[in-house]
Amino acid sequence: MAQRVSIQTADFDLGAEVAALRAGDGGVGAVCSFIGTVRDRSDGSAVSAMELEHYPGMTEAAIEAMIDEAHRRFDIRAARVIHRVGPLNVGDQIVLVAVSSAHRGESFQACEFLMDYLKTQAPFWKKETTPEGARWVDARVADDAALARWGIQARNAG
């Protein structure tokens, strides 16, 4: 089985990852992918850089479990999640979610499901560098609401 989850400092290549996801599977009729990048603004403040930290081992296991859940919920053939950690600059790629299926609807849904999970529940910590200084960023209420539509209660609320 191909690797499903990577947490890494290095950048990734969308074309190479999609080719690997499709390799040897003649049943793939659709691939949906999402790439998140570092924006230059957040909550009204300029952002010059970002740093992401994770809990090694726990992060990978949590994402693997959510890919298993995506397989249970949707008729998908494969999924790939890459999440970068360490220092990142504006414009850098942060995350890739790619899903293959026989038909596009399942790929779109599973890709969005996995991204909603990553934004709220995966054990990552994000620090943004702004003109006012560095600040740690919490999950947003809108992200929790996105997860709730899949029937999953966010664990972020106090």
Protein backbone atom coordinates (compact mmCIF):
# COMPACT_ATOMS: atom_id res chain seq x y z
CA MET A 1 0.00 0.00 0.00
CA ALA A 2 1.26 3.46 -0.89
CA GLN A 3 2.11 5.92 1.85
CA ARG A 4 -1.01 7.85 2.87
CA VAL A 5 0.33 10.44 5.33
CA SER A 6 3.53 12.48 5.36
CA ILE A 7 4.51 15.20 7.81
CA GLN A 8 7.56 16.94 6.42
CA THR A 9 9.56 20.16 6.17
CA ALA A 10 10.20 19.73 2.43
CA ASP A 11 7.88 21.07 -0.25
CA PHE A 12 5.81 18.66 -2.37
CA ASP A 13 5.00 18.30 -6.08
CA LEU A 14 1.28 18.03 -6.91
CA GLY A 15 1.86 16.26 -10.24
CA ALA A 16 4.12 13.62 -8.72
CA GLU A 17 1.72 13.01 -5.83
CA VAL A 18 -1.34 12.63 -8.07
CA ALA A 19 0.58 10.30 -10.39
CA ALA A 20 1.55 8.14 -7.40
CA LEU A 21 -2.05 8.15 -6.12
CA ARG A 22 -3.33 6.90 -9.49
CA ALA A 23 -0.48 4.48 -10.25
CA GLY A 24 -1.61 0.98 -11.10
CA ASP A 25 -5.30 1.59 -10.37
CA GLY A 26 -7.39 1.37 -13.53
CA GLY A 27 -10.55 2.00 -11.50
CA VAL A 28 -9.68 5.63 -10.87
CA GLY A 29 -12.02 7.92 -12.79
CA ALA A 30 -11.57 11.06 -10.69
CA VAL A 31 -8.96 12.76 -8.55
CA CYS A 32 -9.73 15.76 -6.37
CA SER A 33 -6.91 17.71 -4.75
CA PHE A 34 -6.61 20.64 -2.40
CA ILE A 35 -3.48 22.66 -1.69
CA GLY A 36 -3.38 25.16 1.15
CA THR A 37 -0.82 27.95 1.02
CA VAL A 38 0.49 30.62 3.39
CA ARG A 39 -1.50 33.87 2.97
CA ASP A 40 -0.11 37.35 3.54
CA ARG A 41 -3.03 38.34 5.83
CA SER A 42 -4.88 36.75 8.74
CA ASP A 43 -7.57 38.29 10.93
CA GLY A 44 -6.84 41.72 9.45
CA SER A 45 -3.11 41.66 10.15
CA ALA A 46 -0.25 41.34 7.70
CA VAL A 47 1.53 37.98 7.94
CA SER A 48 5.15 37.68 6.87
CA ALA A 49 5.78 34.08 7.88
CA MET A 50 4.31 31.09 9.68
CA GLU A 51 5.69 28.23 11.72
CA LEU A 52 3.90 24.92 12.16
CA GLU A 53 4.63 22.39 14.89
CA HIS A 54 3.18 18.92 15.45
CA TYR A 55 3.26 16.01 17.85
CA PRO A 56 5.30 13.33 16.02
CA GLY A 57 3.57 9.97 15.87
CA MET A 58 0.28 11.28 17.26
CA THR A 59 -0.29 13.57 14.27
CA GLU A 60 0.28 10.83 11.70
CA ALA A 61 -1.91 8.36 13.60
CA ALA A 62 -4.75 10.89 13.88
CA ILE A 63 -4.67 11.63 10.14
CA GLU A 64 -4.46 7.91 9.28
CA ALA A 65 -7.59 7.33 11.39
CA MET A 66 -9.44 10.10 9.56
CA ILE A 67 -8.44 8.63 6.17
CA ASP A 68 -9.89 5.33 7.40
CA GLU A 69 -13.08 7.20 8.29
CA ALA A 70 -13.16 8.81 4.81
CA HIS A 71 -12.95 5.30 3.31
CA ARG A 72 -15.94 4.23 5.46
CA ARG A 73 -18.04 7.27 4.52
CA PHE A 74 -17.21 7.63 0.84
CA ASP A 75 -16.57 5.25 -2.05
CA ILE A 76 -12.95 6.30 -2.58
CA ARG A 77 -10.04 4.31 -3.92
CA ALA A 78 -7.13 6.12 -2.20
CA ALA A 79 -6.18 9.24 -0.28
CA ARG A 80 -2.93 11.13 0.30
CA VAL A 81 -2.26 13.83 2.90
CA ILE A 82 0.97 15.79 3.12
CA HIS A 83 1.33 18.48 5.77
CA ARG A 84 4.42 20.60 6.11
CA VAL A 85 5.89 21.71 9.42
CA GLY A 86 8.61 24.14 10.38
CA PRO A 87 9.08 27.70 9.13
CA LEU A 88 7.09 28.70 6.02
CA ASN A 89 6.92 31.92 4.03
CA VAL A 90 4.05 33.67 2.29
CA GLY A 91 3.12 31.71 -0.84
CA ASP A 92 4.60 28.42 0.38
CA GLN A 93 2.51 25.29 0.11
CA ILE A 94 1.37 24.00 3.52
CA VAL A 95 -0.92 21.05 2.91
CA LEU A 96 -2.01 18.66 0.18
CA VAL A 97 -5.11 16.50 0.33
CA ALA A 98 -5.66 14.30 -2.73
CA VAL A 99 -8.38 11.68 -3.12
CA SER A 100 -9.08 9.24 -5.95
CA SER A 101 -12.38 7.53 -6.71
CA ALA A 102 -14.34 6.08 -9.60
CA HIS A 103 -16.55 9.19 -9.81
CA ARG A 104 -15.96 12.87 -9.01
CA GLY A 105 -18.62 13.34 -6.32
CA GLU A 106 -17.00 10.94 -3.87
CA SER A 107 -13.57 12.51 -4.42
CA PHE A 108 -14.86 16.04 -3.85
CA GLN A 109 -16.70 15.06 -0.67
CA ALA A 110 -13.86 13.04 0.80
CA CYS A 111 -11.32 15.75 0.01
CA GLU A 112 -13.45 18.39 1.75
CA PHE A 113 -14.14 16.04 4.68
CA LEU A 114 -10.41 15.43 5.20
CA MET A 115 -9.56 19.14 4.93
CA ASP A 116 -12.27 20.09 7.43
CA TYR A 117 -10.76 17.55 9.83
CA LEU A 118 -7.20 18.80 9.30
CA LYS A 119 -8.22 22.41 9.96
CA THR A 120 -9.80 21.62 13.31
CA GLN A 121 -8.70 18.32 14.83
CA ALA A 122 -5.26 17.30 13.62
CA PRO A 123 -2.63 18.03 16.29
CA PHE A 124 -0.81 20.95 14.67
CA TRP A 125 0.08 24.28 16.22
CA LYS A 126 0.39 27.38 14.05
CA LYS A 127 2.34 30.53 14.88
CA GLU A 128 2.06 33.57 12.58
CA THR A 129 4.61 36.37 12.37
CA THR A 130 2.91 39.78 12.12
CA PRO A 131 4.10 43.40 12.47
CA GLU A 132 2.77 43.22 16.07
CA GLY A 133 4.91 40.15 16.77
CA ALA A 134 4.43 36.38 16.72
CA ARG A 135 1.09 34.87 17.78
CA TRP A 136 -0.28 31.37 18.15
CA VAL A 137 -3.47 30.78 16.16
CA ASP A 138 -6.52 28.85 17.38
CA ALA A 139 -8.97 26.93 15.19
CA ARG A 140 -11.75 29.20 13.96
CA VAL A 141 -15.43 28.82 14.82
CA ALA A 142 -16.18 28.58 11.08
CA ASP A 143 -13.80 25.62 10.82
CA ASP A 144 -15.58 23.89 13.72
CA ALA A 145 -18.92 24.47 11.97
CA ALA A 146 -17.53 22.95 8.76
CA LEU A 147 -16.57 19.82 10.69
CA ALA A 148 -19.97 19.67 12.42
CA ARG A 149 -21.78 19.24 9.10
CA TRP A 150 -20.06 15.85 8.82
CA GLY A 151 -21.51 14.89 12.20
CA ILE A 152 -18.22 15.36 14.08
CA GLN A 153 -18.08 17.56 17.16
CA ALA A 154 -14.96 19.71 17.28
CA ARG A 155 -12.75 19.04 20.31
CA ASN A 156 -11.49 22.63 20.38
CA ALA A 157 -14.27 24.28 22.37
CA GLY A 158 -13.51 24.97 26.01
